[in-house]
Amino acid sequence: MNTEIMGQDKKEIQQAGEPTRPGKQFIPAVDIFENEKTVTVIAEMPGVGKDDLVINLEEGVLTISGEATWKGTEQETILAQEFEAGRYIRKFTLAETIDQENVEATIAEGILVVTLPKIEPAKPRKITVKTG
């Protein structure tokens, strides 16, 4: 079977109410991978640096947000501008099998990698019965 996988364009969040923060908000594109020990979330967040990134984990919900800004200099003149600055935000509900105490994240060149380790399943063991 021959299938084609298509990428997505940058999606802007459509807000229902009045925004209280100026600027656009985007949904970062993500890939999610799983193996026996971890779930890995890879998010595309161009223009977001370590200091502009916030990752929260509360009540089983992982929230990724970051601010992409472009700070040119007074000596520069924009000839073409396709990159849109704005805020990225995405939320994920985590499974109970995720070890929430040991989540790790790295960002490099606009790619965020969040590693979610799984809790090791209880290993079978023999219970010794005591008298007394």
C-alpha atoms as a PDB file:
ATOM      1  CA  MET A   1       0.000   0.000   0.000  1.00  0.00           C
ATOM      2  CA  ASN A   2       1.501   3.335  -1.056  1.00  0.00           C
ATOM      3  CA  THR A   3       0.546   6.245   1.165  1.00  0.00           C
ATOM      4  CA  GLU A   4       1.811   9.775   1.204  1.00  0.00           C
ATOM      5  CA  ILE A   5       2.373  11.657   4.426  1.00  0.00           C
ATOM      6  CA  MET A   6       1.823  15.373   4.147  1.00  0.00           C
ATOM      7  CA  GLY A   7       3.258  17.984   6.465  1.00  0.00           C
ATOM      8  CA  GLN A   8       1.104  20.698   7.939  1.00  0.00           C
ATOM      9  CA  ASP A   9       1.333  24.452   7.592  1.00  0.00           C
ATOM     10  CA  LYS A  10       1.815  26.531  10.717  1.00  0.00           C
ATOM     11  CA  LYS A  11      -1.601  26.630  12.425  1.00  0.00           C
ATOM     12  CA  GLU A  12      -2.783  29.705  14.257  1.00  0.00           C
ATOM     13  CA  ILE A  13      -5.003  29.189  17.300  1.00  0.00           C
ATOM     14  CA  GLN A  14      -8.500  30.556  16.779  1.00  0.00           C
ATOM     15  CA  GLN A  15      -9.566  32.096  20.059  1.00  0.00           C
ATOM     16  CA  ALA A  16     -13.210  32.161  21.072  1.00  0.00           C
ATOM     17  CA  GLY A  17     -13.049  35.280  23.232  1.00  0.00           C
ATOM     18  CA  GLU A  18     -11.102  38.490  23.351  1.00  0.00           C
ATOM     19  CA  PRO A  19      -7.348  37.961  23.665  1.00  0.00           C
ATOM     20  CA  THR A  20      -5.648  39.537  26.666  1.00  0.00           C
ATOM     21  CA  ARG A  21      -2.209  39.154  25.148  1.00  0.00           C
ATOM     22  CA  PRO A  22      -1.140  40.859  21.908  1.00  0.00           C
ATOM     23  CA  GLY A  23       0.207  38.827  19.006  1.00  0.00           C
ATOM     24  CA  LYS A  24      -0.577  35.546  17.334  1.00  0.00           C
ATOM     25  CA  GLN A  25      -0.692  32.134  18.985  1.00  0.00           C
ATOM     26  CA  PHE A  26       0.315  28.981  17.121  1.00  0.00           C
ATOM     27  CA  ILE A  27      -0.021  25.229  17.617  1.00  0.00           C
ATOM     28  CA  PRO A  28       3.433  23.676  17.197  1.00  0.00           C
ATOM     29  CA  ALA A  29       3.654  20.644  14.927  1.00  0.00           C
ATOM     30  CA  VAL A  30       4.659  17.534  16.893  1.00  0.00           C
ATOM     31  CA  ASP A  31       5.783  13.982  16.340  1.00  0.00           C
ATOM     32  CA  ILE A  32       5.319  11.447  19.148  1.00  0.00           C
ATOM     33  CA  PHE A  33       7.341   8.245  19.393  1.00  0.00           C
ATOM     34  CA  GLU A  34       7.129   5.386  21.874  1.00  0.00           C
ATOM     35  CA  ASN A  35       9.359   2.502  22.863  1.00  0.00           C
ATOM     36  CA  GLU A  36       9.400   0.154  25.859  1.00  0.00           C
ATOM     37  CA  LYS A  37      10.929   2.722  28.222  1.00  0.00           C
ATOM     38  CA  THR A  38       9.858   6.187  27.016  1.00  0.00           C
ATOM     39  CA  VAL A  39       7.439   8.338  25.083  1.00  0.00           C
ATOM     40  CA  THR A  40       9.188  11.125  23.170  1.00  0.00           C
ATOM     41  CA  VAL A  41       7.463  14.301  21.992  1.00  0.00           C
ATOM     42  CA  ILE A  42       9.273  16.344  19.353  1.00  0.00           C
ATOM     43  CA  ALA A  43       7.823  19.816  18.766  1.00  0.00           C
ATOM     44  CA  GLU A  44       8.769  22.307  16.081  1.00  0.00           C
ATOM     45  CA  MET A  45       9.097  25.753  17.663  1.00  0.00           C
ATOM     46  CA  PRO A  46      11.261  27.937  15.388  1.00  0.00           C
ATOM     47  CA  GLY A  47      12.520  31.120  16.979  1.00  0.00           C
ATOM     48  CA  VAL A  48      11.977  29.878  20.545  1.00  0.00           C
ATOM     49  CA  GLY A  49      15.047  29.793  22.768  1.00  0.00           C
ATOM     50  CA  LYS A  50      15.597  28.116  26.127  1.00  0.00           C
ATOM     51  CA  ASP A  51      14.793  31.325  28.024  1.00  0.00           C
ATOM     52  CA  ASP A  52      11.521  31.800  26.093  1.00  0.00           C
ATOM     53  CA  LEU A  53      10.251  28.268  26.743  1.00  0.00           C
ATOM     54  CA  VAL A  54       7.952  27.117  29.560  1.00  0.00           C
ATOM     55  CA  ILE A  55       7.083  23.470  30.183  1.00  0.00           C
ATOM     56  CA  ASN A  56       4.612  22.687  32.956  1.00  0.00           C
ATOM     57  CA  LEU A  57       3.311  19.392  34.250  1.00  0.00           C
ATOM     58  CA  GLU A  58       0.248  19.674  36.452  1.00  0.00           C
ATOM     59  CA  GLU A  59      -2.466  17.134  37.248  1.00  0.00           C
ATOM     60  CA  GLY A  60      -1.349  14.841  34.442  1.00  0.00           C
ATOM     61  CA  VAL A  61      -1.356  17.555  31.759  1.00  0.00           C
ATOM     62  CA  LEU A  62       1.877  18.514  29.995  1.00  0.00           C
ATOM     63  CA  THR A  63       1.787  22.100  28.704  1.00  0.00           C
ATOM     64  CA  ILE A  64       4.426  23.357  26.286  1.00  0.00           C
ATOM     65  CA  SER A  65       4.553  27.074  25.541  1.00  0.00           C
ATOM     66  CA  GLY A  66       7.130  29.410  24.118  1.00  0.00           C
ATOM     67  CA  GLU A  67       7.524  32.856  22.635  1.00  0.00           C
ATOM     68  CA  ALA A  68       9.135  33.282  19.213  1.00  0.00           C
ATOM     69  CA  THR A  69      10.414  36.801  18.668  1.00  0.00           C
ATOM     70  CA  TRP A  70      12.563  38.419  16.065  1.00  0.00           C
ATOM     71  CA  LYS A  71      14.744  41.251  17.192  1.00  0.00           C
ATOM     72  CA  GLY A  72      16.377  42.967  14.266  1.00  0.00           C
ATOM     73  CA  THR A  73      18.666  45.936  14.542  1.00  0.00           C
ATOM     74  CA  GLU A  74      18.112  49.517  13.499  1.00  0.00           C
ATOM     75  CA  GLN A  75      20.710  49.033  10.750  1.00  0.00           C
ATOM     76  CA  GLU A  76      18.683  46.255   9.075  1.00  0.00           C
ATOM     77  CA  THR A  77      15.946  46.705   6.518  1.00  0.00           C
ATOM     78  CA  ILE A  78      13.478  43.840   5.982  1.00  0.00           C
ATOM     79  CA  LEU A  79      13.516  42.738   2.337  1.00  0.00           C
ATOM     80  CA  ALA A  80      11.214  39.728   2.768  1.00  0.00           C
ATOM     81  CA  GLN A  81       9.503  38.367   5.848  1.00  0.00           C
ATOM     82  CA  GLU A  82       7.813  34.956   5.913  1.00  0.00           C
ATOM     83  CA  PHE A  83       8.548  33.990   9.512  1.00  0.00           C
ATOM     84  CA  GLU A  84       5.762  34.993  11.875  1.00  0.00           C
ATOM     85  CA  ALA A  85       6.657  35.728  15.453  1.00  0.00           C
ATOM     86  CA  GLY A  86       4.164  34.712  18.111  1.00  0.00           C
ATOM     87  CA  ARG A  87       3.441  32.366  20.965  1.00  0.00           C
ATOM     88  CA  TYR A  88       3.340  28.578  20.691  1.00  0.00           C
ATOM     89  CA  ILE A  89       1.159  26.514  23.007  1.00  0.00           C
ATOM     90  CA  ARG A  90       0.202  22.837  23.101  1.00  0.00           C
ATOM     91  CA  LYS A  91      -1.218  20.576  25.831  1.00  0.00           C
ATOM     92  CA  PHE A  92      -1.093  16.802  26.252  1.00  0.00           C
ATOM     93  CA  THR A  93      -2.874  14.566  28.757  1.00  0.00           C
ATOM     94  CA  LEU A  94      -0.381  12.003  30.018  1.00  0.00           C
ATOM     95  CA  ALA A  95      -1.117   8.345  30.613  1.00  0.00           C
ATOM     96  CA  GLU A  96      -0.806   6.959  34.124  1.00  0.00           C
ATOM     97  CA  THR A  97       2.200   4.940  32.932  1.00  0.00           C
ATOM     98  CA  ILE A  98       4.390   8.081  32.652  1.00  0.00           C
ATOM     99  CA  ASP A  99       6.923   8.769  35.416  1.00  0.00           C
ATOM    100  CA  GLN A 100       6.051  12.439  35.909  1.00  0.00           C
ATOM    101  CA  GLU A 101       8.959  13.052  38.308  1.00  0.00           C
ATOM    102  CA  ASN A 102      11.624  12.311  35.683  1.00  0.00           C
ATOM    103  CA  VAL A 103      10.474  14.162  32.554  1.00  0.00           C
ATOM    104  CA  GLU A 104      13.344  15.804  30.639  1.00  0.00           C
ATOM    105  CA  ALA A 105      13.425  18.403  27.860  1.00  0.00           C
ATOM    106  CA  THR A 106      16.001  19.878  25.490  1.00  0.00           C
ATOM    107  CA  ILE A 107      15.735  22.486  22.749  1.00  0.00           C
ATOM    108  CA  ALA A 108      18.157  23.093  19.897  1.00  0.00           C
ATOM    109  CA  GLU A 109      17.690  24.970  16.633  1.00  0.00           C
ATOM    110  CA  GLY A 110      13.936  25.343  17.149  1.00  0.00           C
ATOM    111  CA  ILE A 111      13.299  21.661  17.874  1.00  0.00           C
ATOM    112  CA  LEU A 112      12.048  20.771  21.363  1.00  0.00           C
ATOM    113  CA  VAL A 113      12.470  17.173  22.537  1.00  0.00           C
ATOM    114  CA  VAL A 114      10.511  16.130  25.646  1.00  0.00           C
ATOM    115  CA  THR A 115      11.345  12.675  26.995  1.00  0.00           C
ATOM    116  CA  LEU A 116       8.640  11.067  29.132  1.00  0.00           C
ATOM    117  CA  PRO A 117       9.971   7.953  30.888  1.00  0.00           C
ATOM    118  CA  LYS A 118       7.530   5.164  31.644  1.00  0.00           C
ATOM    119  CA  ILE A 119       7.035   3.724  35.108  1.00  0.00           C
ATOM    120  CA  GLU A 120       8.529   0.272  35.337  1.00  0.00           C
ATOM    121  CA  PRO A 121       5.840  -2.364  35.754  1.00  0.00           C
ATOM    122  CA  ALA A 122       5.851  -4.254  39.007  1.00  0.00           C
ATOM    123  CA  LYS A 123       7.941  -7.371  38.712  1.00  0.00           C
ATOM    124  CA  PRO A 124       6.453 -10.673  39.848  1.00  0.00           C
ATOM    125  CA  ARG A 125       7.864 -11.889  43.123  1.00  0.00           C
ATOM    126  CA  LYS A 126       7.208 -14.606  45.635  1.00  0.00           C
ATOM    127  CA  ILE A 127       5.798 -13.496  49.009  1.00  0.00           C
ATOM    128  CA  THR A 128       7.188 -15.321  52.040  1.00  0.00           C
ATOM    129  CA  VAL A 129       4.541 -16.229  54.610  1.00  0.00           C
ATOM    130  CA  LYS A 130       5.562 -15.770  58.253  1.00  0.00           C
ATOM    131  CA  THR A 131       4.072 -17.459  61.273  1.00  0.00           C
ATOM    132  CA  GLY A 132       3.209 -15.789  64.479  1.00  0.00           C
END
